[in-house]
PDB file of N, CA and C in Angstrom:
ATOM      1  N   MET A   1      16.675-189.199  33.503  1.00  0.00           N
ATOM      2  CA  MET A   1      17.706-190.434  33.747  1.00  0.00           C
ATOM      3  C   MET A   1      18.595-190.029  35.668  1.00  0.00           C
ATOM      4  N   ASP A   2      18.603-190.679  36.375  1.00  0.00           N
ATOM      5  CA  ASP A   2      18.659-190.410  37.932  1.00  0.00           C
ATOM      6  C   ASP A   2      19.890-191.049  37.438  1.00  0.00           C
ATOM      7  N   THR A   3      21.445-189.944  37.362  1.00  0.00           N
ATOM      8  CA  THR A   3      22.479-190.385  37.028  1.00  0.00           C
ATOM      9  C   THR A   3      23.034-191.280  38.607  1.00  0.00           C
ATOM     10  N   ASP A   4      22.892-190.878  39.911  1.00  0.00           N
ATOM     11  CA  ASP A   4      23.098-191.388  41.169  1.00  0.00           C
ATOM     12  C   ASP A   4      23.040-192.771  41.282  1.00  0.00           C
ATOM     13  N   SER A   5      21.484-193.148  40.476  1.00  0.00           N
ATOM     14  CA  SER A   5      21.356-194.666  40.772  1.00  0.00           C
ATOM     15  C   SER A   5      21.388-195.629  39.508  1.00  0.00           C
ATOM     16  N   THR A   6      22.225-194.795  38.566  1.00  0.00           N
ATOM     17  CA  THR A   6      21.852-195.547  37.140  1.00  0.00           C
ATOM     18  C   THR A   6      23.145-196.753  37.193  1.00  0.00           C
ATOM     19  N   LYS A   7      23.129-197.560  36.140  1.00  0.00           N
ATOM     20  CA  LYS A   7      24.363-198.764  36.705  1.00  0.00           C
ATOM     21  C   LYS A   7      24.906-198.742  35.552  1.00  0.00           C
ATOM     22  N   TYR A   8      26.589-198.914  35.359  1.00  0.00           N
ATOM     23  CA  TYR A   8      27.116-198.589  34.383  1.00  0.00           C
ATOM     24  C   TYR A   8      26.707-199.405  32.853  1.00  0.00           C
ATOM     25  N   GLU A   9      25.822-200.656  33.134  1.00  0.00           N
ATOM     26  CA  GLU A   9      25.461-201.649  31.733  1.00  0.00           C
ATOM     27  C   GLU A   9      24.413-200.441  31.355  1.00  0.00           C
ATOM     28  N   ASP A  10      23.837-199.758  32.235  1.00  0.00           N
ATOM     29  CA  ASP A  10      22.571-199.174  31.613  1.00  0.00           C
ATOM     30  C   ASP A  10      23.038-197.925  31.407  1.00  0.00           C
ATOM     31  N   ALA A  11      23.725-196.989  31.490  1.00  0.00           N
ATOM     32  CA  ALA A  11      24.355-196.321  30.916  1.00  0.00           C
ATOM     33  C   ALA A  11      24.970-196.382  29.774  1.00  0.00           C
ATOM     34  N   VAL A  12      25.318-197.430  29.800  1.00  0.00           N
ATOM     35  CA  VAL A  12      26.264-198.143  28.442  1.00  0.00           C
ATOM     36  C   VAL A  12      24.735-197.834  27.199  1.00  0.00           C
ATOM     37  N   LYS A  13      24.021-199.369  27.655  1.00  0.00           N
ATOM     38  CA  LYS A  13      23.312-199.141  26.674  1.00  0.00           C
ATOM     39  C   LYS A  13      22.068-197.947  25.871  1.00  0.00           C
ATOM     40  N   ARG A  14      21.898-197.154  26.968  1.00  0.00           N
ATOM     41  CA  ARG A  14      21.411-195.736  26.787  1.00  0.00           C
ATOM     42  C   ARG A  14      22.494-195.080  25.375  1.00  0.00           C
ATOM     43  N   LEU A  15      23.585-194.763  26.196  1.00  0.00           N
ATOM     44  CA  LEU A  15      24.663-194.474  25.033  1.00  0.00           C
ATOM     45  C   LEU A  15      24.739-194.869  23.636  1.00  0.00           C
ATOM     46  N   GLU A  16      24.733-196.322  23.266  1.00  0.00           N
ATOM     47  CA  GLU A  16      24.585-197.350  22.075  1.00  0.00           C
ATOM     48  C   GLU A  16      23.064-196.580  21.458  1.00  0.00           C
ATOM     49  N   GLU A  17      22.088-196.631  22.551  1.00  0.00           N
ATOM     50  CA  GLU A  17      20.757-196.107  22.092  1.00  0.00           C
ATOM     51  C   GLU A  17      20.835-194.693  21.531  1.00  0.00           C
ATOM     52  N   ILE A  18      21.473-193.952  22.286  1.00  0.00           N
ATOM     53  CA  ILE A  18      21.617-192.367  21.668  1.00  0.00           C
ATOM     54  C   ILE A  18      22.620-192.236  19.782  1.00  0.00           C
ATOM     55  N   VAL A  19      23.839-193.165  19.992  1.00  0.00           N
ATOM     56  CA  VAL A  19      24.607-193.094  19.112  1.00  0.00           C
ATOM     57  C   VAL A  19      23.629-193.804  17.546  1.00  0.00           C
ATOM     58  N   ARG A  20      22.698-194.699  18.044  1.00  0.00           N
ATOM     59  CA  ARG A  20      21.910-195.217  16.672  1.00  0.00           C
ATOM     60  C   ARG A  20      20.932-194.408  16.287  1.00  0.00           C
ATOM     61  N   LEU A  21      20.069-193.492  17.156  1.00  0.00           N
ATOM     62  CA  LEU A  21      19.231-192.670  16.741  1.00  0.00           C
ATOM     63  C   LEU A  21      20.085-191.714  15.989  1.00  0.00           C
ATOM     64  N   MET A  22      21.196-191.219  16.211  1.00  0.00           N
ATOM     65  CA  MET A  22      22.084-189.639  15.545  1.00  0.00           C
ATOM     66  C   MET A  22      22.383-190.390  14.567  1.00  0.00           C
ATOM     67  N   GLU A  23      23.257-192.121  14.376  1.00  0.00           N
ATOM     68  CA  GLU A  23      23.487-192.417  13.439  1.00  0.00           C
ATOM     69  C   GLU A  23      22.511-192.532  11.910  1.00  0.00           C
ATOM     70  N   ASN A  24      21.120-192.691  12.460  1.00  0.00           N
ATOM     71  CA  ASN A  24      19.859-193.280  11.575  1.00  0.00           C
ATOM     72  C   ASN A  24      19.126-192.105  11.088  1.00  0.00           C
ATOM     73  N   GLY A  25      19.274-190.844  11.591  1.00  0.00           N
ATOM     74  CA  GLY A  25      18.868-189.471  11.464  1.00  0.00           C
ATOM     75  C   GLY A  25      17.473-189.473  11.602  1.00  0.00           C
ATOM     76  N   GLN A  26      17.150-190.033  13.377  1.00  0.00           N
ATOM     77  CA  GLN A  26      15.726-189.819  13.453  1.00  0.00           C
ATOM     78  C   GLN A  26      15.834-189.022  14.832  1.00  0.00           C
ATOM     79  N   LEU A  27      16.394-187.615  14.593  1.00  0.00           N
ATOM     80  CA  LEU A  27      16.326-186.831  15.551  1.00  0.00           C
ATOM     81  C   LEU A  27      16.403-185.221  14.807  1.00  0.00           C
ATOM     82  N   ASP A  28      15.590-184.365  15.475  1.00  0.00           N
ATOM     83  CA  ASP A  28      15.640-183.114  14.757  1.00  0.00           C
ATOM     84  C   ASP A  28      16.837-182.333  15.593  1.00  0.00           C
ATOM     85  N   LEU A  29      17.164-181.368  15.039  1.00  0.00           N
ATOM     86  CA  LEU A  29      18.385-180.617  15.199  1.00  0.00           C
ATOM     87  C   LEU A  29      18.095-180.277  17.286  1.00  0.00           C
ATOM     88  N   ASP A  30      16.924-180.002  17.513  1.00  0.00           N
ATOM     89  CA  ASP A  30      16.479-179.693  19.113  1.00  0.00           C
ATOM     90  C   ASP A  30      16.986-181.257  20.353  1.00  0.00           C
ATOM     91  N   GLN A  31      16.362-182.050  19.303  1.00  0.00           N
ATOM     92  CA  GLN A  31      16.795-183.374  19.891  1.00  0.00           C
ATOM     93  C   GLN A  31      18.365-184.094  20.016  1.00  0.00           C
ATOM     94  N   ILE A  32      18.731-183.823  18.805  1.00  0.00           N
ATOM     95  CA  ILE A  32      19.991-184.080  18.898  1.00  0.00           C
ATOM     96  C   ILE A  32      20.789-183.223  20.298  1.00  0.00           C
ATOM     97  N   THR A  33      20.392-181.849  20.290  1.00  0.00           N
ATOM     98  CA  THR A  33      21.455-181.142  21.630  1.00  0.00           C
ATOM     99  C   THR A  33      20.937-181.905  22.759  1.00  0.00           C
ATOM    100  N   ASP A  34      19.867-182.119  22.704  1.00  0.00           N
ATOM    101  CA  ASP A  34      19.359-182.728  24.184  1.00  0.00           C
ATOM    102  C   ASP A  34      20.009-184.489  24.324  1.00  0.00           C
ATOM    103  N   HIS A  35      20.074-184.842  23.077  1.00  0.00           N
ATOM    104  CA  HIS A  35      20.875-186.201  23.479  1.00  0.00           C
ATOM    105  C   HIS A  35      22.616-186.279  23.794  1.00  0.00           C
ATOM    106  N   LEU A  36      22.583-185.541  23.168  1.00  0.00           N
ATOM    107  CA  LEU A  36      24.060-184.657  23.234  1.00  0.00           C
ATOM    108  C   LEU A  36      24.972-184.449  24.979  1.00  0.00           C
ATOM    109  N   ARG A  37      23.959-183.791  25.228  1.00  0.00           N
ATOM    110  CA  ARG A  37      23.947-183.652  26.395  1.00  0.00           C
ATOM    111  C   ARG A  37      23.523-184.817  27.173  1.00  0.00           C
ATOM    112  N   GLU A  38      22.822-185.705  27.323  1.00  0.00           N
ATOM    113  CA  GLU A  38      22.616-186.866  28.089  1.00  0.00           C
ATOM    114  C   GLU A  38      24.038-187.592  27.957  1.00  0.00           C
ATOM    115  N   ALA A  39      24.204-187.712  26.924  1.00  0.00           N
ATOM    116  CA  ALA A  39      25.408-188.317  26.310  1.00  0.00           C
ATOM    117  C   ALA A  39      26.707-188.118  27.373  1.00  0.00           C
ATOM    118  N   LYS A  40      26.887-187.021  27.671  1.00  0.00           N
ATOM    119  CA  LYS A  40      27.962-186.563  27.924  1.00  0.00           C
ATOM    120  C   LYS A  40      27.978-186.623  29.129  1.00  0.00           C
ATOM    121  N   THR A  41      26.560-186.840  30.118  1.00  0.00           N
ATOM    122  CA  THR A  41      26.684-186.787  31.436  1.00  0.00           C
ATOM    123  C   THR A  41      27.281-188.280  31.616  1.00  0.00           C
ATOM    124  N   LEU A  42      25.854-189.383  30.679  1.00  0.00           N
ATOM    125  CA  LEU A  42      26.286-190.956  31.016  1.00  0.00           C
ATOM    126  C   LEU A  42      27.939-190.881  30.385  1.00  0.00           C
ATOM    127  N   VAL A  43      28.871-190.171  29.715  1.00  0.00           N
ATOM    128  CA  VAL A  43      29.956-190.798  29.329  1.00  0.00           C
ATOM    129  C   VAL A  43      30.631-190.200  30.349  1.00  0.00           C
ATOM    130  N   ALA A  44      30.562-189.463  31.303  1.00  0.00           N
ATOM    131  CA  ALA A  44      31.014-188.756  32.562  1.00  0.00           C
ATOM    132  C   ALA A  44      30.911-189.873  33.748  1.00  0.00           C
ATOM    133  N   LEU A  45      29.226-190.308  33.856  1.00  0.00           N
ATOM    134  CA  LEU A  45      29.084-191.619  34.687  1.00  0.00           C
ATOM    135  C   LEU A  45      30.121-192.993  34.400  1.00  0.00           C
ATOM    136  N   CYS A  46      30.396-192.903  33.477  1.00  0.00           N
ATOM    137  CA  CYS A  46      30.905-194.424  32.811  1.00  0.00           C
ATOM    138  C   CYS A  46      32.383-194.305  33.117  1.00  0.00           C
ATOM    139  N   LYS A  47      32.795-193.146  32.935  1.00  0.00           N
ATOM    140  CA  LYS A  47      34.276-192.876  33.571  1.00  0.00           C
ATOM    141  C   LYS A  47      34.576-192.960  35.115  1.00  0.00           C
ATOM    142  N   GLU A  48      33.806-192.474  35.592  1.00  0.00           N
ATOM    143  CA  GLU A  48      33.643-192.096  36.855  1.00  0.00           C
ATOM    144  C   GLU A  48      33.263-193.867  37.702  1.00  0.00           C
ATOM    145  N   LYS A  49      32.461-194.118  37.031  1.00  0.00           N
ATOM    146  CA  LYS A  49      32.210-195.786  37.663  1.00  0.00           C
ATOM    147  C   LYS A  49      33.522-196.600  37.857  1.00  0.00           C
ATOM    148  N   LEU A  50      34.105-196.568  36.220  1.00  0.00           N
ATOM    149  CA  LEU A  50      34.977-197.411  36.008  1.00  0.00           C
ATOM    150  C   LEU A  50      36.352-197.420  36.551  1.00  0.00           C
ATOM    151  N   GLY A  51      36.605-196.024  36.893  1.00  0.00           N
ATOM    152  CA  GLY A  51      38.111-195.308  37.975  1.00  0.00           C
ATOM    153  C   GLY A  51      37.479-195.776  39.308  1.00  0.00           C
ATOM    154  N   LYS A  52      36.602-196.005  39.838  1.00  0.00           N
ATOM    155  CA  LYS A  52      36.321-196.081  40.879  1.00  0.00           C
ATOM    156  C   LYS A  52      36.781-197.632  41.095  1.00  0.00           C
ATOM    157  N   THR A  53      35.848-198.593  39.843  1.00  0.00           N
ATOM    158  CA  THR A  53      36.236-199.991  39.888  1.00  0.00           C
ATOM    159  C   THR A  53      37.450-200.017  39.981  1.00  0.00           C
ATOM    160  N   ASN A  54      38.044-199.679  39.629  1.00  0.00           N
ATOM    161  CA  ASN A  54      39.889-199.533  38.902  1.00  0.00           C
ATOM    162  C   ASN A  54      40.609-199.745  40.448  1.00  0.00           C
ATOM    163  N   GLU A  55      40.185-198.814  40.900  1.00  0.00           N
ATOM    164  CA  GLU A  55      40.854-198.220  42.324  1.00  0.00           C
ATOM    165  C   GLU A  55      40.480-199.587  43.485  1.00  0.00           C
ATOM    166  N   ASP A  56      39.217-200.309  42.973  1.00  0.00           N
ATOM    167  CA  ASP A  56      38.313-201.184  44.384  1.00  0.00           C
ATOM    168  C   ASP A  56      39.579-202.184  43.817  1.00  0.00           C
ATOM    169  N   ILE A  57      39.545-202.313  42.453  1.00  0.00           N
ATOM    170  CA  ILE A  57      40.511-203.770  41.760  1.00  0.00           C
ATOM    171  C   ILE A  57      42.112-203.783  42.454  1.00  0.00           C
ATOM    172  N   ASN A  58      42.363-201.970  42.645  1.00  0.00           N
ATOM    173  CA  ASN A  58      43.365-202.123  43.316  1.00  0.00           C
ATOM    174  C   ASN A  58      44.243-201.999  44.269  1.00  0.00           C
ATOM    175  N   LYS A  59      43.239-201.532  45.258  1.00  0.00           N
ATOM    176  CA  LYS A  59      42.712-201.982  46.604  1.00  0.00           C
ATOM    177  C   LYS A  59      43.545-203.500  47.069  1.00  0.00           C
ATOM    178  N   LEU A  60      42.348-204.281  46.246  1.00  0.00           N
ATOM    179  CA  LEU A  60      41.795-205.297  47.081  1.00  0.00           C
ATOM    180  C   LEU A  60      43.394-206.729  46.089  1.00  0.00           C
ATOM    181  N   LEU A  61      44.002-206.162  45.190  1.00  0.00           N
ATOM    182  CA  LEU A  61      45.350-206.466  44.859  1.00  0.00           C
ATOM    183  C   LEU A  61      46.793-205.857  45.700  1.00  0.00           C
ATOM    184  N   ASP A  62      46.304-205.477  46.380  1.00  0.00           N
ATOM    185  CA  ASP A  62      47.257-204.692  46.991  1.00  0.00           C
ATOM    186  C   ASP A  62      47.641-205.339  48.273  1.00  0.00           C
ATOM    187  N   GLN A  63      46.452-205.577  49.041  1.00  0.00           N
ATOM    188  CA  GLN A  63      46.295-206.492  50.396  1.00  0.00           C
ATOM    189  C   GLN A  63      46.730-207.684  50.216  1.00  0.00           C
TER     190      GLN A  63
END
């Protein structure tokens, strides 16, 4: 997944999918590790996008 062009909503959907797969026991040990790495990257992406959006909103409200 190209995180530079990933939209917030797409990242959240993918995180939800990963959680569902893990909860349903549909992954083997190697897949769990790979999906956890991907999830960690997606969580960081979401935090970054939310932080930037928050900054932008605060700037607009301060004007």
